[in-house]
Amino acid sequence: MNFETVDYQRSDAVATITMNRPDALNALSLQLSQDLRSAIELAIRENSRAIILTGAGRAFCSGGDLREMKALGEKEGKIETFLDTPLKALHDVIALIRETPIPFIAAVNGVCAGAGTNFALACDLVIAAEDATFNEAFVRIGLSPDCGGTFFLPRAIGEKLAAELFMTGGSIDAKRAAAIGMINRVV
């Protein structure tokens, strides 16, 4: 099966789903969310024993596609259009990850920001490259955290550290993320 914005490979019962929008740092567009859902459903149908999620290029995922959000807002003139389509599609993918009994592994490379960070945290394991950075950038664009961030992050690192990341929008490197329990391992 071919997808517009993801690459899908399967080897030895392990499915690897690569977000493939490197020019946009794998920003989560409506199309990417739909392709992720379809690829995950394919991995489930093929009885995969594990699913690896990663990103092409220099980013795992830079978060929501702000250009698409802006264009939707300008076209429709209301926030409900965004909430009812791209954001709902992404939340559906996160729910599918959490509800599926197959282990999900986020293989994080480079930039992992905003919804991308929360997308990684939805996975059972998070393995990061040494050059990976994580942040909750929502405050920098005037939004509250979404995509499960307020659920996943405090459970991983505690309320105080989570509040600091949410309120400052600051970045942490992979080594620090591992030290505070946000991720499992740095490779």
C-alpha atoms as a PDB file:
ATOM      1  CA  MET A   1       0.000   0.000   0.000  1.00  0.00           C
ATOM      2  CA  ASN A   2       1.334   3.456  -0.890  1.00  0.00           C
ATOM      3  CA  PHE A   3       0.881   6.556   1.220  1.00  0.00           C
ATOM      4  CA  GLU A   4       1.368  10.199   0.323  1.00  0.00           C
ATOM      5  CA  THR A   5       3.154  11.315   3.503  1.00  0.00           C
ATOM      6  CA  VAL A   6       4.503   8.171   5.182  1.00  0.00           C
ATOM      7  CA  ASP A   7       6.804   5.349   4.194  1.00  0.00           C
ATOM      8  CA  TYR A   8       5.752   1.908   5.396  1.00  0.00           C
ATOM      9  CA  GLN A   9       8.064  -1.072   5.689  1.00  0.00           C
ATOM     10  CA  ARG A  10       7.675  -4.406   7.400  1.00  0.00           C
ATOM     11  CA  SER A  11      10.434  -6.835   8.292  1.00  0.00           C
ATOM     12  CA  ASP A  12      10.328  -9.827  10.642  1.00  0.00           C
ATOM     13  CA  ALA A  13       6.870  -8.852  11.948  1.00  0.00           C
ATOM     14  CA  VAL A  14       8.039  -5.319  12.823  1.00  0.00           C
ATOM     15  CA  ALA A  15       6.376  -2.439  10.989  1.00  0.00           C
ATOM     16  CA  THR A  16       8.311   0.799  10.552  1.00  0.00           C
ATOM     17  CA  ILE A  17       6.263   3.889   9.779  1.00  0.00           C
ATOM     18  CA  THR A  18       8.310   6.914   8.746  1.00  0.00           C
ATOM     19  CA  MET A  19       6.703  10.334   8.606  1.00  0.00           C
ATOM     20  CA  ASN A  20       7.927  11.623   5.253  1.00  0.00           C
ATOM     21  CA  ARG A  21       7.504  15.381   5.065  1.00  0.00           C
ATOM     22  CA  PRO A  22      11.150  16.332   5.665  1.00  0.00           C
ATOM     23  CA  ASP A  23      10.809  19.758   4.019  1.00  0.00           C
ATOM     24  CA  ALA A  24       8.172  20.606   6.650  1.00  0.00           C
ATOM     25  CA  LEU A  25      10.088  18.857   9.471  1.00  0.00           C
ATOM     26  CA  ASN A  26       7.337  16.220   9.393  1.00  0.00           C
ATOM     27  CA  ALA A  27       4.724  18.702  10.625  1.00  0.00           C
ATOM     28  CA  LEU A  28       1.427  16.993  11.351  1.00  0.00           C
ATOM     29  CA  SER A  29      -0.930  17.906   8.517  1.00  0.00           C
ATOM     30  CA  LEU A  30      -4.372  16.425   7.988  1.00  0.00           C
ATOM     31  CA  GLN A  31      -2.950  14.185   5.236  1.00  0.00           C
ATOM     32  CA  LEU A  32      -0.114  12.974   7.480  1.00  0.00           C
ATOM     33  CA  SER A  33      -2.567  12.181  10.277  1.00  0.00           C
ATOM     34  CA  GLN A  34      -4.772  10.225   7.867  1.00  0.00           C
ATOM     35  CA  ASP A  35      -1.776   8.358   6.433  1.00  0.00           C
ATOM     36  CA  LEU A  36      -0.469   7.539   9.921  1.00  0.00           C
ATOM     37  CA  ARG A  37      -3.830   6.078  10.876  1.00  0.00           C
ATOM     38  CA  SER A  38      -4.012   4.007   7.681  1.00  0.00           C
ATOM     39  CA  ALA A  39      -0.435   2.759   8.100  1.00  0.00           C
ATOM     40  CA  ILE A  40      -1.037   1.784  11.730  1.00  0.00           C
ATOM     41  CA  GLU A  41      -4.236  -0.027  10.736  1.00  0.00           C
ATOM     42  CA  LEU A  42      -2.252  -1.872   8.034  1.00  0.00           C
ATOM     43  CA  ALA A  43       0.379  -2.899  10.597  1.00  0.00           C
ATOM     44  CA  ILE A  44      -2.393  -4.227  12.835  1.00  0.00           C
ATOM     45  CA  ARG A  45      -4.027  -6.169   9.964  1.00  0.00           C
ATOM     46  CA  GLU A  46      -0.634  -7.681   9.101  1.00  0.00           C
ATOM     47  CA  ASN A  47      -0.306  -8.931  12.701  1.00  0.00           C
ATOM     48  CA  SER A  48       2.818  -6.897  13.374  1.00  0.00           C
ATOM     49  CA  ARG A  49       4.464  -7.635  16.703  1.00  0.00           C
ATOM     50  CA  ALA A  50       5.862  -4.105  17.116  1.00  0.00           C
ATOM     51  CA  ILE A  51       5.480  -0.751  15.376  1.00  0.00           C
ATOM     52  CA  ILE A  52       8.325   1.750  15.092  1.00  0.00           C
ATOM     53  CA  LEU A  53       7.419   5.378  14.395  1.00  0.00           C
ATOM     54  CA  THR A  54      10.119   7.737  13.133  1.00  0.00           C
ATOM     55  CA  GLY A  55      10.648  10.791  10.963  1.00  0.00           C
ATOM     56  CA  ALA A  56      12.517  11.373   7.703  1.00  0.00           C
ATOM     57  CA  GLY A  57      15.221  14.021   7.518  1.00  0.00           C
ATOM     58  CA  ARG A  58      16.367  16.175  10.401  1.00  0.00           C
ATOM     59  CA  ALA A  59      13.207  15.923  12.512  1.00  0.00           C
ATOM     60  CA  PHE A  60      11.024  13.348  14.154  1.00  0.00           C
ATOM     61  CA  CYS A  61       8.091  15.774  14.084  1.00  0.00           C
ATOM     62  CA  SER A  62       7.913  19.540  14.514  1.00  0.00           C
ATOM     63  CA  GLY A  63       4.325  19.461  15.775  1.00  0.00           C
ATOM     64  CA  GLY A  64       1.176  20.633  14.085  1.00  0.00           C
ATOM     65  CA  ASP A  65       1.361  22.068  10.590  1.00  0.00           C
ATOM     66  CA  LEU A  66       0.934  25.762  11.416  1.00  0.00           C
ATOM     67  CA  ARG A  67       0.712  26.754   7.748  1.00  0.00           C
ATOM     68  CA  GLU A  68      -2.190  24.380   7.226  1.00  0.00           C
ATOM     69  CA  MET A  69      -3.865  25.625  10.414  1.00  0.00           C
ATOM     70  CA  LYS A  70      -3.514  29.242   9.303  1.00  0.00           C
ATOM     71  CA  ALA A  71      -4.837  28.466   5.821  1.00  0.00           C
ATOM     72  CA  LEU A  72      -7.839  26.612   7.260  1.00  0.00           C
ATOM     73  CA  GLY A  73      -8.595  29.483   9.615  1.00  0.00           C
ATOM     74  CA  GLU A  74      -8.394  32.052   6.836  1.00  0.00           C
ATOM     75  CA  LYS A  75     -10.477  29.952   4.461  1.00  0.00           C
ATOM     76  CA  GLU A  76     -13.214  28.982   6.884  1.00  0.00           C
ATOM     77  CA  GLY A  77     -12.959  31.904   9.285  1.00  0.00           C
ATOM     78  CA  LYS A  78     -13.525  29.792  12.369  1.00  0.00           C
ATOM     79  CA  ILE A  79     -11.478  27.679  14.754  1.00  0.00           C
ATOM     80  CA  GLU A  80     -14.057  24.876  14.733  1.00  0.00           C
ATOM     81  CA  THR A  81     -12.882  23.831  11.267  1.00  0.00           C
ATOM     82  CA  PHE A  82      -9.414  23.138  12.635  1.00  0.00           C
ATOM     83  CA  LEU A  83     -10.729  21.430  15.759  1.00  0.00           C
ATOM     84  CA  ASP A  84     -13.107  19.223  13.770  1.00  0.00           C
ATOM     85  CA  THR A  85     -10.643  18.079  11.110  1.00  0.00           C
ATOM     86  CA  PRO A  86      -6.826  18.040  11.497  1.00  0.00           C
ATOM     87  CA  LEU A  87      -6.759  18.095  15.298  1.00  0.00           C
ATOM     88  CA  LYS A  88      -9.438  15.408  15.592  1.00  0.00           C
ATOM     89  CA  ALA A  89      -7.589  13.263  13.037  1.00  0.00           C
ATOM     90  CA  LEU A  90      -4.388  13.518  15.079  1.00  0.00           C
ATOM     91  CA  HIS A  91      -6.170  12.770  18.347  1.00  0.00           C
ATOM     92  CA  ASP A  92      -7.695   9.707  16.678  1.00  0.00           C
ATOM     93  CA  VAL A  93      -4.174   8.492  15.777  1.00  0.00           C
ATOM     94  CA  ILE A  94      -2.984   8.986  19.356  1.00  0.00           C
ATOM     95  CA  ALA A  95      -6.028   7.100  20.672  1.00  0.00           C
ATOM     96  CA  LEU A  96      -5.299   4.272  18.224  1.00  0.00           C
ATOM     97  CA  ILE A  97      -1.689   4.077  19.458  1.00  0.00           C
ATOM     98  CA  ARG A  98      -2.828   3.887  23.080  1.00  0.00           C
ATOM     99  CA  GLU A  99      -5.620   1.360  22.424  1.00  0.00           C
ATOM    100  CA  THR A 100      -3.613  -1.035  20.265  1.00  0.00           C
ATOM    101  CA  PRO A 101      -2.063  -3.957  22.168  1.00  0.00           C
ATOM    102  CA  ILE A 102       0.999  -3.882  19.876  1.00  0.00           C
ATOM    103  CA  PRO A 103       4.049  -2.109  21.374  1.00  0.00           C
ATOM    104  CA  PHE A 104       4.849   1.252  19.761  1.00  0.00           C
ATOM    105  CA  ILE A 105       8.405   2.557  19.730  1.00  0.00           C
ATOM    106  CA  ALA A 106       9.132   6.194  18.898  1.00  0.00           C
ATOM    107  CA  ALA A 107      12.578   6.414  17.286  1.00  0.00           C
ATOM    108  CA  VAL A 108      13.206  10.140  17.696  1.00  0.00           C
ATOM    109  CA  ASN A 109      15.747  11.927  15.546  1.00  0.00           C
ATOM    110  CA  GLY A 110      16.396  15.669  15.603  1.00  0.00           C
ATOM    111  CA  VAL A 111      13.541  18.057  16.333  1.00  0.00           C
ATOM    112  CA  CYS A 112      10.596  16.796  18.373  1.00  0.00           C
ATOM    113  CA  ALA A 113       8.322  19.723  19.205  1.00  0.00           C
ATOM    114  CA  GLY A 114       4.838  20.452  20.491  1.00  0.00           C
ATOM    115  CA  ALA A 115       2.356  17.870  19.250  1.00  0.00           C
ATOM    116  CA  GLY A 116       5.343  15.883  17.945  1.00  0.00           C
ATOM    117  CA  THR A 117       6.658  15.515  21.495  1.00  0.00           C
ATOM    118  CA  ASN A 118       3.249  14.388  22.704  1.00  0.00           C
ATOM    119  CA  PHE A 119       2.927  12.015  19.759  1.00  0.00           C
ATOM    120  CA  ALA A 120       6.237  10.402  20.816  1.00  0.00           C
ATOM    121  CA  LEU A 121       5.131  10.266  24.463  1.00  0.00           C
ATOM    122  CA  ALA A 122       1.995   8.357  23.426  1.00  0.00           C
ATOM    123  CA  CYS A 123       4.253   5.468  22.394  1.00  0.00           C
ATOM    124  CA  ASP A 124       5.225   2.693  24.804  1.00  0.00           C
ATOM    125  CA  LEU A 125       8.954   3.339  24.413  1.00  0.00           C
ATOM    126  CA  VAL A 126      10.862   6.426  23.283  1.00  0.00           C
ATOM    127  CA  ILE A 127      14.397   5.934  21.975  1.00  0.00           C
ATOM    128  CA  ALA A 128      16.205   9.104  20.899  1.00  0.00           C
ATOM    129  CA  ALA A 129      19.285   9.922  18.886  1.00  0.00           C
ATOM    130  CA  GLU A 130      21.917  12.035  20.636  1.00  0.00           C
ATOM    131  CA  ASP A 131      20.922  15.050  18.517  1.00  0.00           C
ATOM    132  CA  ALA A 132      17.227  14.869  19.477  1.00  0.00           C
ATOM    133  CA  THR A 133      15.607  17.811  21.247  1.00  0.00           C
ATOM    134  CA  PHE A 134      12.191  17.936  22.870  1.00  0.00           C
ATOM    135  CA  ASN A 135       9.924  20.860  23.692  1.00  0.00           C
ATOM    136  CA  GLU A 136       6.351  21.830  24.429  1.00  0.00           C
ATOM    137  CA  ALA A 137       6.263  24.866  22.145  1.00  0.00           C
ATOM    138  CA  PHE A 138       2.551  25.641  22.511  1.00  0.00           C
ATOM    139  CA  VAL A 139       3.053  28.679  24.754  1.00  0.00           C
ATOM    140  CA  ARG A 140       5.213  30.275  22.057  1.00  0.00           C
ATOM    141  CA  ILE A 141       2.272  30.316  19.645  1.00  0.00           C
ATOM    142  CA  GLY A 142      -0.433  31.164  22.162  1.00  0.00           C
ATOM    143  CA  LEU A 143      -1.939  27.690  22.499  1.00  0.00           C
ATOM    144  CA  SER A 144      -2.451  25.298  25.366  1.00  0.00           C
ATOM    145  CA  PRO A 145      -0.849  21.856  25.036  1.00  0.00           C
ATOM    146  CA  ASP A 146      -2.825  19.324  23.032  1.00  0.00           C
ATOM    147  CA  CYS A 147      -2.439  15.806  21.675  1.00  0.00           C
ATOM    148  CA  GLY A 148      -2.344  14.305  25.147  1.00  0.00           C
ATOM    149  CA  GLY A 149       0.578  16.371  26.418  1.00  0.00           C
ATOM    150  CA  THR A 150      -1.074  17.343  29.686  1.00  0.00           C
ATOM    151  CA  PHE A 151      -1.776  13.651  30.298  1.00  0.00           C
ATOM    152  CA  PHE A 152       1.476  12.019  29.154  1.00  0.00           C
ATOM    153  CA  LEU A 153       4.186  14.465  30.231  1.00  0.00           C
ATOM    154  CA  PRO A 154       3.335  14.881  33.959  1.00  0.00           C
ATOM    155  CA  ARG A 155       3.088  11.107  34.286  1.00  0.00           C
ATOM    156  CA  ALA A 156       6.534  10.703  32.739  1.00  0.00           C
ATOM    157  CA  ILE A 157       8.453  13.472  34.532  1.00  0.00           C
ATOM    158  CA  GLY A 158       6.235  14.803  37.323  1.00  0.00           C
ATOM    159  CA  GLU A 159       4.018  17.849  37.577  1.00  0.00           C
ATOM    160  CA  LYS A 160       6.692  20.454  38.390  1.00  0.00           C
ATOM    161  CA  LEU A 161       8.992  19.648  35.472  1.00  0.00           C
ATOM    162  CA  ALA A 162       6.036  19.272  33.121  1.00  0.00           C
ATOM    163  CA  ALA A 163       4.683  22.663  34.203  1.00  0.00           C
ATOM    164  CA  GLU A 164       8.089  24.214  33.543  1.00  0.00           C
ATOM    165  CA  LEU A 165       8.209  22.823  30.004  1.00  0.00           C
ATOM    166  CA  PHE A 166       4.597  23.796  29.303  1.00  0.00           C
ATOM    167  CA  MET A 167       4.957  27.329  30.683  1.00  0.00           C
ATOM    168  CA  THR A 168       8.339  28.206  29.199  1.00  0.00           C
ATOM    169  CA  GLY A 169       8.281  26.352  25.892  1.00  0.00           C
ATOM    170  CA  GLY A 170      11.926  25.561  26.567  1.00  0.00           C
ATOM    171  CA  SER A 171      13.828  22.745  24.884  1.00  0.00           C
ATOM    172  CA  ILE A 172      15.728  19.884  26.454  1.00  0.00           C
ATOM    173  CA  ASP A 173      18.232  17.608  24.788  1.00  0.00           C
ATOM    174  CA  ALA A 174      17.974  13.827  24.621  1.00  0.00           C
ATOM    175  CA  LYS A 175      20.433  13.268  27.455  1.00  0.00           C
ATOM    176  CA  ARG A 176      18.410  15.446  29.841  1.00  0.00           C
ATOM    177  CA  ALA A 177      15.147  13.887  28.622  1.00  0.00           C
ATOM    178  CA  ALA A 178      16.509  10.441  29.521  1.00  0.00           C
ATOM    179  CA  ALA A 179      17.815  11.654  32.890  1.00  0.00           C
ATOM    180  CA  ILE A 180      14.383  12.954  33.944  1.00  0.00           C
ATOM    181  CA  GLY A 181      12.488   9.899  32.673  1.00  0.00           C
ATOM    182  CA  MET A 182      10.839  11.528  29.676  1.00  0.00           C
ATOM    183  CA  ILE A 183      12.373   8.975  27.308  1.00  0.00           C
ATOM    184  CA  ASN A 184      13.804   5.498  27.729  1.00  0.00           C
ATOM    185  CA  ARG A 185      17.199   5.704  26.101  1.00  0.00           C
ATOM    186  CA  VAL A 186      19.635   7.730  24.019  1.00  0.00           C
ATOM    187  CA  VAL A 187      21.512   5.952  21.218  1.00  0.00           C
END
